[in-house]
Amino acid sequence: MKRKQSIEHVRWDLALRYRVIETVAWWEGRLTTNHLMQSFGISRQQASKDINTYIGEHAPRNLTYDKHLKGYVPSKQFRPLFIDDSADAYLHLLNQNHERAPHIDGLALAYAHTEVLKVPDRSVRPEVLRPLLRACREGLRLETEYVSLANPAPEIRLIAPHTLIYTGMRWHVRAYCEKNRAYRDFVLSRLRGVPELLDTSDFGREQDEGWNTRVQVVIEPDPRLKPTQKALIEVDYGMQDGRLVLDTRGALVQYVLQRYQIDQNKVQAKAAAQQIVAANLEELQRWLYS
């Protein structure tokens, strides 16, 4: 219990460094001060202090120093405290460091074995984002101009935003729309002008049924595939008993399907092209838009 409490009260900047310590040690098998220096642009003295603090105050049995390798290696008793031991943690670190590589000496060489496809984010102007953030924090209404494919001319909207959403391709804001008298998602790059903050709204996150309803998206291999092909897909997606169950919010179901490239209105002619399907698509229909 004491260790758990000590972890919860670690400063966020130190927690980030401890995550790197555990991730590198677990996946690369050798941690040196250079890893922290290159990842955070800190001095060798500070990096050494961070490693010693991690060992001394949080995980005395996780790392041992190997004189031959000239670095810290995970012990047989290694139990991560700040990360899970999934491959995602390490791949996420590679992604982050790949982005920082051009700006930190030595990092470009250290992570030269990775390449990350960069998709430019949709344009979001600071003068749009600032009032949105304040409205979300303080529960305020705001007036803004908005364009859409159905209405490409700017239209005045009164909305009460409560949460920003990143779908992997673009940013949305979840908000109560006074025109539609319902909660809607608005694409940030389609807001025009400068949103004007108004008074407090009675429609916050608590009243948003789509946001507060938990929904399971069940993904399975395309039933048209051969058994051997299905087995391959199951491994690719980490399925258990032939299915992948994703817990999400009703308001986010559409985006989950988009990330898995599942189109509820279209089925690929070839099973090899489709690969996966949403097995409970009928149950999900109430959360989908055309």
Protein backbone atom coordinates (compact mmCIF):
# COMPACT_ATOMS: atom_id res chain seq x y z
CA MET A 1 0.00 0.00 0.00
CA LYS A 2 2.82 2.43 0.82
CA ARG A 3 4.46 1.82 -2.55
CA LYS A 4 1.18 2.44 -4.38
CA GLN A 5 0.68 5.71 -2.53
CA SER A 6 4.23 6.82 -3.31
CA ILE A 7 3.65 6.15 -7.02
CA GLU A 8 0.42 8.14 -7.07
CA HIS A 9 2.19 11.18 -5.66
CA VAL A 10 5.12 11.19 -8.08
CA ARG A 11 5.45 14.44 -10.02
CA TRP A 12 4.25 14.07 -13.59
CA ASP A 13 7.64 14.95 -15.10
CA LEU A 14 9.38 12.29 -12.99
CA ALA A 15 6.66 9.77 -13.81
CA LEU A 16 7.40 10.30 -17.51
CA ARG A 17 11.09 9.61 -16.92
CA TYR A 18 10.30 6.52 -14.86
CA ARG A 19 8.12 5.26 -17.71
CA VAL A 20 11.08 5.59 -20.06
CA ILE A 21 13.31 3.81 -17.53
CA GLU A 22 10.97 0.84 -17.33
CA THR A 23 10.15 0.73 -21.04
CA VAL A 24 13.76 0.79 -22.21
CA ALA A 25 14.94 -1.65 -19.56
CA TRP A 26 12.14 -4.11 -20.28
CA TRP A 27 12.27 -4.04 -24.07
CA GLU A 28 15.87 -3.24 -24.89
CA GLY A 29 17.38 -5.09 -21.94
CA ARG A 30 19.85 -2.33 -21.10
CA LEU A 31 19.28 1.12 -19.66
CA THR A 32 21.88 3.87 -19.50
CA THR A 33 21.82 7.52 -18.57
CA ASN A 34 22.04 8.27 -22.30
CA HIS A 35 18.48 7.05 -22.79
CA LEU A 36 17.15 9.67 -20.41
CA MET A 37 19.53 12.35 -21.63
CA GLN A 38 18.47 11.85 -25.23
CA SER A 39 14.77 11.47 -24.50
CA PHE A 40 14.44 14.53 -22.26
CA GLY A 41 17.47 16.68 -23.05
CA ILE A 42 18.72 16.53 -19.43
CA SER A 43 22.22 16.33 -18.01
CA ARG A 44 23.99 13.07 -17.19
CA GLN A 45 23.94 14.01 -13.50
CA GLN A 46 20.16 14.49 -13.56
CA ALA A 47 19.65 11.24 -15.50
CA SER A 48 21.75 9.33 -12.97
CA LYS A 49 19.79 10.88 -10.11
CA ASP A 50 16.49 9.88 -11.72
CA ILE A 51 17.60 6.25 -12.10
CA ASN A 52 18.87 6.08 -8.53
CA THR A 53 15.67 7.66 -7.19
CA TYR A 54 13.57 5.21 -9.19
CA ILE A 55 15.51 2.27 -7.71
CA GLY A 56 15.84 3.62 -4.18
CA GLU A 57 12.32 4.95 -3.63
CA HIS A 58 10.08 2.87 -5.88
CA ALA A 59 11.52 -0.34 -7.29
CA PRO A 60 14.62 -1.57 -5.45
CA ARG A 61 14.37 -5.07 -7.00
CA ASN A 62 13.67 -4.11 -10.62
CA LEU A 63 17.10 -3.15 -11.94
CA THR A 64 20.66 -4.28 -11.41
CA TYR A 65 23.84 -2.72 -12.75
CA ASP A 66 25.82 -4.87 -15.18
CA LYS A 67 29.50 -3.84 -15.29
CA HIS A 68 30.14 -5.69 -18.55
CA LEU A 69 27.22 -4.07 -20.37
CA LYS A 70 27.85 -0.77 -18.57
CA GLY A 71 24.18 -0.29 -17.93
CA TYR A 72 21.19 -1.33 -15.88
CA VAL A 73 19.40 -4.56 -16.80
CA PRO A 74 16.00 -5.86 -15.62
CA SER A 75 16.22 -8.37 -12.81
CA LYS A 76 14.32 -11.65 -12.74
CA GLN A 77 11.96 -9.99 -10.24
CA PHE A 78 11.24 -7.06 -12.57
CA ARG A 79 7.68 -5.80 -12.15
CA PRO A 80 6.82 -2.55 -13.94
CA LEU A 81 5.13 0.09 -11.79
CA PHE A 82 4.69 2.96 -14.24
CA ILE A 83 3.88 1.08 -17.46
CA ASP A 84 2.25 -2.14 -18.52
CA ASP A 85 4.53 -4.69 -20.14
CA SER A 86 2.71 -4.70 -23.47
CA ALA A 87 4.46 -3.97 -26.74
CA ASP A 88 2.27 -0.87 -27.08
CA ALA A 89 4.24 0.93 -24.38
CA TYR A 90 7.52 0.44 -26.20
CA LEU A 91 6.13 1.23 -29.65
CA HIS A 92 4.54 4.38 -28.25
CA LEU A 93 7.91 5.44 -26.90
CA LEU A 94 9.51 4.83 -30.29
CA ASN A 95 6.83 6.98 -31.88
CA GLN A 96 7.34 9.82 -29.40
CA ASN A 97 11.12 9.75 -29.69
CA HIS A 98 10.92 9.59 -33.47
CA GLU A 99 9.04 12.90 -33.38
CA ARG A 100 11.61 14.46 -31.04
CA ALA A 101 14.66 13.05 -32.83
CA PRO A 102 15.38 16.05 -35.10
CA HIS A 103 15.47 18.36 -32.06
CA ILE A 104 17.64 16.39 -29.62
CA ASP A 105 21.28 15.56 -30.27
CA GLY A 106 21.95 11.84 -30.54
CA LEU A 107 18.31 10.79 -30.64
CA ALA A 108 18.10 10.67 -34.44
CA LEU A 109 20.87 8.06 -34.54
CA ALA A 110 19.47 6.10 -31.61
CA TYR A 111 16.06 5.70 -33.28
CA ALA A 112 17.18 5.54 -36.91
CA HIS A 113 15.69 2.04 -37.14
CA THR A 114 12.13 3.35 -36.91
CA GLU A 115 9.95 5.20 -39.39
CA VAL A 116 6.56 6.71 -38.55
CA LEU A 117 3.99 7.69 -41.14
CA LYS A 118 3.02 11.27 -40.46
CA VAL A 119 -0.46 12.41 -41.40
CA PRO A 120 -0.81 16.20 -41.07
CA ASP A 121 -3.43 17.23 -38.52
CA ARG A 122 -6.34 19.28 -39.76
CA SER A 123 -5.77 22.98 -39.21
CA VAL A 124 -6.96 24.18 -35.81
CA ARG A 125 -6.49 27.88 -35.13
CA PRO A 126 -5.40 29.03 -31.64
CA GLU A 127 -8.17 31.65 -31.51
CA VAL A 128 -10.68 28.80 -31.92
CA LEU A 129 -9.07 26.39 -29.48
CA ARG A 130 -8.63 28.81 -26.56
CA PRO A 131 -12.32 29.66 -26.02
CA LEU A 132 -13.27 26.02 -26.60
CA LEU A 133 -10.94 24.90 -23.82
CA ARG A 134 -12.32 27.49 -21.44
CA ALA A 135 -15.91 26.57 -22.32
CA CYS A 136 -15.16 22.90 -21.61
CA ARG A 137 -13.50 23.70 -18.29
CA GLU A 138 -16.13 26.16 -17.04
CA GLY A 139 -19.28 24.72 -18.60
CA LEU A 140 -19.99 27.75 -20.77
CA ARG A 141 -22.07 28.21 -23.91
CA LEU A 142 -20.45 29.78 -26.91
CA GLU A 143 -21.48 31.20 -30.24
CA THR A 144 -19.50 30.21 -33.29
CA GLU A 145 -19.71 29.96 -37.06
CA TYR A 146 -19.62 26.44 -38.45
CA VAL A 147 -19.43 24.94 -41.93
CA SER A 148 -20.19 21.40 -43.06
CA LEU A 149 -20.55 19.45 -46.28
CA ALA A 150 -24.33 19.83 -46.02
CA ASN A 151 -24.02 23.58 -45.32
CA PRO A 152 -20.72 24.90 -46.73
CA ALA A 153 -21.73 28.50 -46.02
CA PRO A 154 -20.89 29.65 -42.46
CA GLU A 155 -23.82 29.18 -40.10
CA ILE A 156 -24.18 30.54 -36.57
CA ARG A 157 -24.28 27.77 -33.95
CA LEU A 158 -24.86 28.03 -30.22
CA ILE A 159 -23.14 25.11 -28.53
CA ALA A 160 -22.09 23.97 -25.06
CA PRO A 161 -18.85 21.97 -25.44
CA HIS A 162 -17.64 19.53 -22.83
CA THR A 163 -14.86 17.33 -24.30
CA LEU A 164 -12.24 17.46 -27.06
CA ILE A 165 -11.87 14.22 -29.04
CA TYR A 166 -8.95 13.09 -31.19
CA THR A 167 -9.84 10.31 -33.61
CA GLY A 168 -6.33 9.71 -34.91
CA MET A 169 -6.96 11.85 -37.98
CA ARG A 170 -8.63 15.02 -36.73
CA TRP A 171 -9.94 16.81 -33.64
CA HIS A 172 -13.60 17.15 -32.72
CA VAL A 173 -15.41 18.77 -29.84
CA ARG A 174 -18.38 17.06 -28.22
CA ALA A 175 -21.05 19.66 -27.47
CA TYR A 176 -24.74 20.26 -26.94
CA CYS A 177 -26.14 21.94 -30.07
CA GLU A 178 -29.04 24.30 -29.44
CA LYS A 179 -30.13 24.14 -33.08
CA ASN A 180 -30.50 20.35 -33.06
CA ARG A 181 -31.39 20.19 -29.34
CA ALA A 182 -29.02 17.26 -29.02
CA TYR A 183 -25.35 16.46 -28.45
CA ARG A 184 -23.25 16.53 -31.59
CA ASP A 185 -19.59 16.33 -32.65
CA PHE A 186 -18.08 19.37 -34.34
CA VAL A 187 -14.87 19.21 -36.37
CA LEU A 188 -12.50 21.88 -35.03
CA SER A 189 -11.08 22.75 -38.44
CA ARG A 190 -14.61 23.66 -39.60
CA LEU A 191 -15.20 26.33 -37.00
CA ARG A 192 -14.93 29.80 -38.51
CA GLY A 193 -14.25 33.19 -37.00
CA VAL A 194 -13.57 33.55 -33.29
CA PRO A 195 -16.02 31.77 -30.94
CA GLU A 196 -17.68 34.09 -28.43
CA LEU A 197 -18.03 32.88 -24.86
CA LEU A 198 -21.49 33.31 -23.33
CA ASP A 199 -23.14 32.29 -20.08
CA THR A 200 -23.23 28.99 -18.20
CA SER A 201 -24.95 26.05 -19.86
CA ASP A 202 -27.37 23.59 -18.28
CA PHE A 203 -26.20 20.91 -20.73
CA GLY A 204 -22.91 19.41 -19.63
CA ARG A 205 -21.19 16.05 -19.85
CA GLU A 206 -23.49 14.52 -17.23
CA GLN A 207 -26.56 14.97 -19.45
CA ASP A 208 -24.91 13.50 -22.57
CA GLU A 209 -26.37 9.99 -22.89
CA GLY A 210 -24.10 9.09 -25.81
CA TRP A 211 -21.03 10.05 -23.84
CA ASN A 212 -22.03 8.30 -20.62
CA THR A 213 -23.25 5.05 -22.16
CA ARG A 214 -20.60 2.34 -22.36
CA VAL A 215 -20.80 0.25 -25.52
CA GLN A 216 -18.90 -2.82 -26.66
CA VAL A 217 -17.77 -3.09 -30.26
CA VAL A 218 -17.22 -6.74 -31.15
CA ILE A 219 -14.79 -7.34 -34.00
CA GLU A 220 -14.36 -10.70 -35.69
CA PRO A 221 -12.62 -12.02 -38.80
CA ASP A 222 -14.70 -11.80 -41.97
CA PRO A 223 -16.80 -15.01 -41.93
CA ARG A 224 -15.99 -15.57 -45.62
CA LEU A 225 -12.34 -16.23 -44.80
CA LYS A 226 -10.90 -19.73 -44.63
CA PRO A 227 -10.17 -21.12 -41.14
CA THR A 228 -6.42 -20.67 -41.58
CA GLN A 229 -6.95 -17.07 -42.68
CA LYS A 230 -9.23 -16.39 -39.72
CA ALA A 231 -6.57 -17.75 -37.38
CA LEU A 232 -4.04 -15.35 -38.88
CA ILE A 233 -6.38 -12.36 -38.41
CA GLU A 234 -7.10 -13.38 -34.84
CA VAL A 235 -3.40 -13.23 -34.02
CA ASP A 236 -2.97 -9.92 -35.88
CA TYR A 237 -5.60 -8.23 -33.74
CA GLY A 238 -4.95 -10.04 -30.47
CA MET A 239 -8.38 -11.65 -30.46
CA GLN A 240 -9.55 -14.00 -27.74
CA ASP A 241 -11.88 -16.87 -28.70
CA GLY A 242 -12.12 -15.49 -32.21
CA ARG A 243 -13.17 -11.96 -31.31
CA LEU A 244 -11.85 -8.60 -30.14
CA VAL A 245 -14.14 -6.76 -27.72
CA LEU A 246 -13.55 -3.01 -27.54
CA ASP A 247 -15.13 -1.06 -24.71
CA THR A 248 -15.94 2.50 -25.69
CA ARG A 249 -18.56 5.24 -25.42
CA GLY A 250 -21.67 5.31 -27.56
CA ALA A 251 -20.60 8.68 -28.93
CA LEU A 252 -17.27 7.22 -30.06
CA VAL A 253 -18.49 4.04 -31.77
CA GLN A 254 -18.35 5.67 -35.19
CA TYR A 255 -14.70 6.61 -34.70
CA VAL A 256 -13.74 3.16 -33.43
CA LEU A 257 -15.12 1.61 -36.61
CA GLN A 258 -13.31 4.21 -38.71
CA ARG A 259 -10.00 3.43 -37.01
CA TYR A 260 -10.48 -0.24 -37.84
CA GLN A 261 -11.53 0.72 -41.38
CA ILE A 262 -14.95 -0.86 -41.01
CA ASP A 263 -17.59 0.87 -43.13
CA GLN A 264 -21.09 0.10 -41.87
CA ASN A 265 -22.53 1.02 -45.29
CA LYS A 266 -20.19 -1.03 -47.44
CA VAL A 267 -18.73 -4.54 -47.56
CA GLN A 268 -15.67 -5.29 -49.65
CA ALA A 269 -16.30 -7.77 -52.46
CA LYS A 270 -13.25 -9.81 -51.41
CA ALA A 271 -12.94 -11.22 -47.91
CA ALA A 272 -9.16 -10.74 -48.03
CA ALA A 273 -9.75 -7.02 -48.48
CA GLN A 274 -12.42 -6.80 -45.77
CA GLN A 275 -10.54 -8.98 -43.23
CA ILE A 276 -12.58 -7.92 -40.18
CA VAL A 277 -16.21 -7.05 -39.46
CA ALA A 278 -18.24 -5.64 -36.58
CA ALA A 279 -20.13 -8.71 -35.40
CA ASN A 280 -22.71 -6.70 -33.44
CA LEU A 281 -23.36 -4.01 -36.06
CA GLU A 282 -27.12 -4.08 -35.50
CA GLU A 283 -26.67 -3.25 -31.82
CA LEU A 284 -24.39 -0.37 -32.76
CA GLN A 285 -26.74 1.24 -35.28
CA ARG A 286 -28.23 3.72 -32.80
CA TRP A 287 -24.76 5.22 -32.32
CA LEU A 288 -23.92 5.50 -36.03
CA TYR A 289 -24.65 8.23 -38.51
CA SER A 290 -24.90 7.84 -42.27
